[in-house]
Amino acid sequence: MIDRYDTLNNSFEKTLIFRFGDQAGFFSELNNVILAVLYCLDNRIRFALYTSEVSPAIHWNDYFQPFCEQTTSRKHLIHNKRSLSGRPSLVRSVMRTWMKRTEGFDYFTYELWDKFRSQQFAKRRFTIPALEIDGSILDATRILIGIIVRYQQRAAEQINHVTASLDLPDEYVGLHIRSGDKTREAKVFSADEYMALLARHTRVRNVFVLTDDFGNVEHLRRRYADYAFFTTCRPEERGYDFGAFQRREHDARHSEYVKLLASMDVLRQADVAFGSYRTNPGMFLGMCMGTGFIGIDSDEWVLW
């Protein structure tokens, strides 16, 4: 399928260079790659990736195999953003025009951002015969994730080491409980609310919990003694904060990203998983799992 994608992508005349890895959290960055790829396929635009090597950026090749042309030109760090604030200066406008001409592309990220993030786009039906896509945005993104999200060997080995250490039973369900700085963006649900949702849908009592606050795990183990809870969260973790995380050393960030990817793989393989669609991991799981992921905040997947 990757060969078919490569042939189709490279057949388009216009090109987007999409900025990845240094403006938001891991799954915010990844989700938007997936959506932008779909938009480009639907509009016959060639997709290429800018993946920054500037700390503390997430470099695509540290985790995933390449699926399109890449550039690491630092000019994109200055000019190729999700959005532009204020009126652009004449000098920067000239520089952006010059970049397009010399590097041979047509769109910066900000020029298409609102298009693939729109509700109108989310409600489209997509037909891309070369990739066997014919359906809703979730039908399309599920196929694209198989093309885009392919681990590098070293990352795969590290992820497998984390998942093996959990010693999970064959039958289990999953919970994603986001705490920390998520309270600044949306309503945060309690562990008890998640357990009530879980109990309405399954009798399985082995539960993997992805959370950024070990207090949630402590509460679950104390309150629901007849369940077995598994987690990669450590006792010292008491809520994720993006700004504080970005200030950590590279190796520490890398270890956390590996742990996050391993946890997401575990959730994807669960009998059913529960979480919030208005988190980026929840949005990704909805794209991967379809009806296998149940949202606490919405009856259906949302583009937020």
Protein backbone atom coordinates (compact mmCIF):
# COMPACT_ATOMS: atom_id res chain seq x y z
CA MET A 1 0.00 0.00 0.00
CA ILE A 2 2.90 2.39 0.70
CA ASP A 3 4.10 1.96 -2.89
CA ARG A 4 0.65 2.84 -4.21
CA TYR A 5 0.52 5.89 -1.96
CA ASP A 6 3.97 6.99 -3.11
CA THR A 7 3.03 6.68 -6.78
CA LEU A 8 -0.23 8.57 -6.31
CA ASN A 9 1.26 11.28 -4.11
CA ASN A 10 4.10 11.97 -6.53
CA SER A 11 1.73 12.21 -9.49
CA PHE A 12 0.32 15.55 -8.29
CA GLU A 13 1.67 18.83 -9.63
CA LYS A 14 1.20 21.15 -6.64
CA THR A 15 2.99 20.50 -3.32
CA LEU A 16 2.38 21.19 0.35
CA ILE A 17 5.32 21.13 2.76
CA PHE A 18 3.70 20.32 6.09
CA ARG A 19 5.38 21.32 9.33
CA PHE A 20 5.62 18.49 11.86
CA GLY A 21 6.95 18.10 15.33
CA ASP A 22 7.57 21.34 17.20
CA GLN A 23 4.32 23.19 17.84
CA ALA A 24 2.16 20.85 19.96
CA GLY A 25 1.97 17.47 21.70
CA PHE A 26 2.82 14.21 19.96
CA PHE A 27 -0.68 13.15 18.92
CA SER A 28 -1.77 16.64 17.99
CA GLU A 29 1.14 16.67 15.55
CA LEU A 30 0.42 13.16 14.26
CA ASN A 31 -3.34 13.65 13.91
CA ASN A 32 -2.81 16.71 11.78
CA VAL A 33 -0.36 14.89 9.51
CA ILE A 34 -3.05 12.27 8.89
CA LEU A 35 -5.76 14.86 8.18
CA ALA A 36 -3.47 16.90 5.93
CA VAL A 37 -2.47 13.82 3.93
CA LEU A 38 -6.14 13.02 3.36
CA TYR A 39 -6.89 16.60 2.31
CA CYS A 40 -3.97 16.56 -0.13
CA LEU A 41 -5.05 13.26 -1.68
CA ASP A 42 -8.60 14.55 -2.04
CA ASN A 43 -7.39 17.76 -3.71
CA ARG A 44 -4.55 16.29 -5.79
CA ILE A 45 -1.78 18.03 -3.85
CA ARG A 46 1.56 16.35 -3.28
CA PHE A 47 2.36 16.00 0.43
CA ALA A 48 5.89 16.56 1.76
CA LEU A 49 7.09 16.91 5.34
CA TYR A 50 9.21 19.40 7.19
CA THR A 51 10.51 17.58 10.27
CA SER A 52 12.58 19.77 12.55
CA GLU A 53 15.87 18.67 14.05
CA VAL A 54 15.84 21.61 16.46
CA SER A 55 15.40 20.63 20.13
CA PRO A 56 12.85 19.95 21.59
CA ALA A 57 11.08 19.01 18.35
CA ILE A 58 9.77 15.53 17.58
CA HIS A 59 11.77 14.30 14.61
CA TRP A 60 9.67 12.03 12.40
CA ASN A 61 12.50 9.59 11.66
CA ASP A 62 13.19 8.94 15.35
CA TYR A 63 9.89 7.04 15.53
CA PHE A 64 8.41 6.42 12.08
CA GLN A 65 9.59 5.26 8.69
CA PRO A 66 9.50 7.94 5.98
CA PHE A 67 6.40 7.85 3.78
CA CYS A 68 7.01 10.98 1.69
CA GLU A 69 9.73 13.44 0.76
CA GLN A 70 11.21 15.31 3.74
CA THR A 71 13.11 18.52 4.35
CA THR A 72 14.89 19.73 7.48
CA SER A 73 15.59 23.25 6.16
CA ARG A 74 15.48 25.63 9.13
CA LYS A 75 13.82 28.29 7.00
CA HIS A 76 10.61 26.34 7.60
CA LEU A 77 11.05 26.81 11.33
CA ILE A 78 10.57 30.54 10.80
CA HIS A 79 8.09 30.71 7.93
CA ASN A 80 6.10 27.46 7.81
CA LYS A 81 3.66 27.56 10.72
CA ARG A 82 0.14 26.42 11.56
CA SER A 83 -1.07 30.01 11.54
CA LEU A 84 0.25 33.52 11.12
CA SER A 85 -0.25 36.09 13.86
CA GLY A 86 -0.70 39.70 12.83
CA ARG A 87 0.00 41.24 9.47
CA PRO A 88 3.06 39.69 7.80
CA SER A 89 5.93 42.04 7.03
CA LEU A 90 6.94 42.73 3.45
CA VAL A 91 10.32 41.11 4.05
CA ARG A 92 8.77 37.88 5.29
CA SER A 93 6.23 37.82 2.47
CA VAL A 94 9.06 38.14 -0.06
CA MET A 95 11.03 35.42 1.73
CA ARG A 96 8.07 33.02 1.63
CA THR A 97 7.57 33.64 -2.08
CA TRP A 98 11.29 33.09 -2.67
CA MET A 99 11.20 29.83 -0.67
CA LYS A 100 8.36 28.47 -2.77
CA ARG A 101 10.19 29.24 -5.99
CA THR A 102 13.61 27.92 -4.95
CA GLU A 103 12.36 24.81 -3.13
CA GLY A 104 9.62 24.03 -5.65
CA PHE A 105 6.46 23.91 -3.55
CA ASP A 106 3.12 25.71 -3.51
CA TYR A 107 1.69 25.72 0.02
CA PHE A 108 2.88 26.37 3.54
CA THR A 109 1.05 24.62 6.40
CA TYR A 110 -0.93 27.72 7.41
CA GLU A 111 -2.37 28.11 3.91
CA LEU A 112 -4.29 24.81 4.12
CA TRP A 113 -4.65 24.39 7.89
CA ASP A 114 -8.22 25.67 8.19
CA LYS A 115 -9.33 23.59 5.21
CA PHE A 116 -8.43 20.16 6.60
CA ARG A 117 -9.49 21.21 10.12
CA SER A 118 -12.99 22.29 9.04
CA GLN A 119 -16.25 20.58 9.95
CA GLN A 120 -17.18 20.60 6.27
CA PHE A 121 -14.09 18.50 5.53
CA ALA A 122 -14.88 16.14 8.42
CA LYS A 123 -18.32 15.39 6.93
CA ARG A 124 -17.05 14.64 3.42
CA ARG A 125 -17.18 11.28 1.70
CA PHE A 126 -13.83 10.30 0.23
CA THR A 127 -13.22 8.18 -2.84
CA ILE A 128 -9.59 7.32 -3.64
CA PRO A 129 -9.66 4.03 -5.59
CA ALA A 130 -5.86 3.59 -5.71
CA LEU A 131 -5.83 3.27 -1.91
CA GLU A 132 -9.16 1.43 -1.61
CA ILE A 133 -10.69 4.42 0.16
CA ASP A 134 -14.44 4.88 -0.29
CA GLY A 135 -16.28 6.21 2.73
CA SER A 136 -16.27 8.62 5.64
CA ILE A 137 -13.31 10.45 7.13
CA LEU A 138 -12.89 7.59 9.62
CA ASP A 139 -12.93 5.00 6.85
CA ALA A 140 -10.26 7.00 5.05
CA THR A 141 -8.01 7.81 8.01
CA ARG A 142 -8.03 4.19 9.21
CA ILE A 143 -6.42 3.17 5.91
CA LEU A 144 -4.02 6.11 5.91
CA ILE A 145 -2.79 5.34 9.44
CA GLY A 146 -1.62 1.96 8.13
CA ILE A 147 0.46 3.79 5.51
CA ILE A 148 1.74 6.64 7.67
CA VAL A 149 2.30 5.09 11.12
CA ARG A 150 5.04 2.52 10.56
CA TYR A 151 7.69 2.36 13.28
CA GLN A 152 11.41 2.52 12.75
CA GLN A 153 13.09 -0.71 13.90
CA ARG A 154 14.76 0.82 16.97
CA ALA A 155 11.55 2.53 18.08
CA ALA A 156 9.59 -0.69 17.51
CA GLU A 157 12.01 -2.62 19.71
CA GLN A 158 11.72 -0.03 22.48
CA ILE A 159 7.92 0.01 22.23
CA ASN A 160 7.74 -3.79 22.29
CA HIS A 161 9.92 -3.84 25.41
CA VAL A 162 7.45 -1.56 27.21
CA THR A 163 4.37 -3.53 26.15
CA ALA A 164 5.95 -6.87 27.09
CA SER A 165 6.78 -5.58 30.57
CA LEU A 166 3.07 -5.05 31.27
CA ASP A 167 2.36 -8.81 31.12
CA LEU A 168 -1.23 -8.13 30.01
CA PRO A 169 -3.83 -10.92 29.89
CA ASP A 170 -5.29 -11.91 26.53
CA GLU A 171 -8.61 -10.24 27.33
CA TYR A 172 -8.60 -6.66 28.53
CA VAL A 173 -10.22 -3.28 27.95
CA GLY A 174 -8.64 0.17 27.93
CA LEU A 175 -9.10 3.55 29.54
CA HIS A 176 -7.51 6.86 28.61
CA ILE A 177 -7.86 9.34 31.47
CA ARG A 178 -6.34 12.73 30.69
CA SER A 179 -5.61 15.06 33.58
CA GLY A 180 -2.90 17.71 33.98
CA ASP A 181 -3.07 20.81 31.78
CA LYS A 182 -6.02 19.44 29.77
CA THR A 183 -8.24 21.38 32.19
CA ARG A 184 -7.24 24.53 30.27
CA GLU A 185 -8.81 23.20 27.04
CA ALA A 186 -11.86 21.10 27.90
CA LYS A 187 -13.80 19.36 30.63
CA VAL A 188 -11.81 16.67 32.39
CA PHE A 189 -13.74 13.60 33.54
CA SER A 190 -13.08 11.73 36.78
CA ALA A 191 -11.90 8.14 37.02
CA ASP A 192 -15.29 7.20 38.48
CA GLU A 193 -17.09 8.63 35.44
CA TYR A 194 -14.91 6.52 33.16
CA MET A 195 -15.57 3.41 35.21
CA ALA A 196 -19.32 4.00 35.03
CA LEU A 197 -19.04 4.21 31.24
CA LEU A 198 -16.92 1.05 31.13
CA ALA A 199 -19.37 -0.89 33.30
CA ARG A 200 -22.24 -0.05 30.94
CA HIS A 201 -20.44 -1.65 28.00
CA THR A 202 -18.37 -4.58 29.24
CA ARG A 203 -17.94 -7.09 32.05
CA VAL A 204 -14.22 -7.52 31.41
CA ARG A 205 -12.32 -6.69 34.59
CA ASN A 206 -8.77 -6.44 33.27
CA VAL A 207 -8.21 -2.76 32.49
CA PHE A 208 -5.20 -1.03 30.96
CA VAL A 209 -5.09 2.63 31.98
CA LEU A 210 -3.27 5.30 29.99
CA THR A 211 -3.10 8.37 32.20
CA ASP A 212 -0.74 11.23 33.00
CA ASP A 213 -1.59 11.20 36.73
CA PHE A 214 -0.83 8.16 38.89
CA GLY A 215 -3.40 9.44 41.35
CA ASN A 216 -6.04 8.10 38.96
CA VAL A 217 -4.51 4.63 39.17
CA GLU A 218 -4.32 4.79 42.95
CA HIS A 219 -7.98 5.79 43.11
CA LEU A 220 -9.06 3.02 40.75
CA ARG A 221 -7.16 0.31 42.64
CA ARG A 222 -8.56 1.51 45.95
CA ARG A 223 -12.16 1.97 44.81
CA TYR A 224 -12.54 -0.99 42.41
CA ALA A 225 -10.76 -3.84 44.12
CA ASP A 226 -12.48 -6.46 41.96
CA TYR A 227 -10.74 -5.12 38.84
CA ALA A 228 -7.09 -5.60 37.80
CA PHE A 229 -5.50 -2.37 36.55
CA PHE A 230 -2.38 -2.20 34.40
CA THR A 231 -0.52 0.98 33.47
CA THR A 232 2.74 2.45 32.22
CA CYS A 233 2.22 5.52 34.42
CA ARG A 234 4.80 5.88 37.20
CA PRO A 235 3.97 6.87 40.81
CA GLU A 236 5.80 10.19 40.47
CA GLU A 237 3.68 11.29 37.49
CA ARG A 238 1.03 13.74 38.71
CA GLY A 239 -0.32 15.44 35.61
CA TYR A 240 1.17 16.32 32.22
CA ASP A 241 2.16 19.90 31.45
CA PHE A 242 3.29 20.56 27.87
CA GLY A 243 5.52 23.52 28.71
CA ALA A 244 7.33 21.69 31.49
CA PHE A 245 7.70 18.60 29.31
CA GLN A 246 9.34 20.62 26.53
CA ARG A 247 12.03 21.79 28.94
CA ARG A 248 13.16 18.25 29.71
CA GLU A 249 16.29 16.72 28.19
CA HIS A 250 16.04 14.90 24.87
CA ASP A 251 16.52 11.39 26.26
CA ALA A 252 13.84 11.92 28.90
CA ARG A 253 11.37 13.18 26.30
CA HIS A 254 12.21 10.28 23.99
CA SER A 255 11.55 7.73 26.74
CA GLU A 256 8.17 9.32 27.45
CA TYR A 257 7.23 9.31 23.77
CA VAL A 258 8.14 5.63 23.51
CA LYS A 259 6.00 4.91 26.58
CA LEU A 260 3.12 6.89 25.09
CA LEU A 261 3.31 5.06 21.76
CA ALA A 262 3.46 1.70 23.55
CA SER A 263 0.41 2.64 25.63
CA MET A 264 -1.50 3.70 22.55
CA ASP A 265 -0.68 0.41 20.85
CA VAL A 266 -2.01 -1.43 23.89
CA LEU A 267 -5.23 0.59 23.75
CA ARG A 268 -5.61 -0.04 20.02
CA GLN A 269 -5.43 -3.79 20.65
CA ALA A 270 -7.92 -3.78 23.54
CA ASP A 271 -11.32 -5.44 23.18
CA VAL A 272 -12.78 -1.95 23.57
CA ALA A 273 -11.31 1.33 24.78
CA PHE A 274 -12.86 4.34 26.49
CA GLY A 275 -11.72 7.94 26.57
CA SER A 276 -12.45 11.48 25.47
CA TYR A 277 -12.72 12.40 21.80
CA ARG A 278 -11.61 15.91 22.77
CA THR A 279 -8.11 14.74 23.53
CA ASN A 280 -5.65 14.06 20.75
CA PRO A 281 -5.03 10.43 21.78
CA GLY A 282 -8.83 9.95 21.83
CA MET A 283 -9.14 11.53 18.41
CA PHE A 284 -6.42 9.19 17.08
CA LEU A 285 -7.97 6.11 18.70
CA GLY A 286 -11.31 7.00 17.14
CA MET A 287 -9.64 7.08 13.73
CA CYS A 288 -7.94 3.72 14.38
CA MET A 289 -10.66 1.80 16.15
CA GLY A 290 -13.96 3.17 14.89
CA THR A 291 -16.74 1.76 17.08
CA GLY A 292 -14.10 -0.02 19.18
CA PHE A 293 -13.42 3.31 20.89
CA ILE A 294 -16.21 4.81 23.00
CA GLY A 295 -16.13 8.48 23.93
CA ILE A 296 -17.24 9.79 27.29
CA ASP A 297 -17.86 13.28 25.90
CA SER A 298 -19.59 12.48 22.60
CA ASP A 299 -21.51 9.66 20.97
CA GLU A 300 -19.38 9.94 17.86
CA TRP A 301 -15.91 11.01 16.72
CA VAL A 302 -15.36 14.75 16.52
CA LEU A 303 -12.77 16.90 14.78
CA TRP A 304 -11.90 19.42 17.47
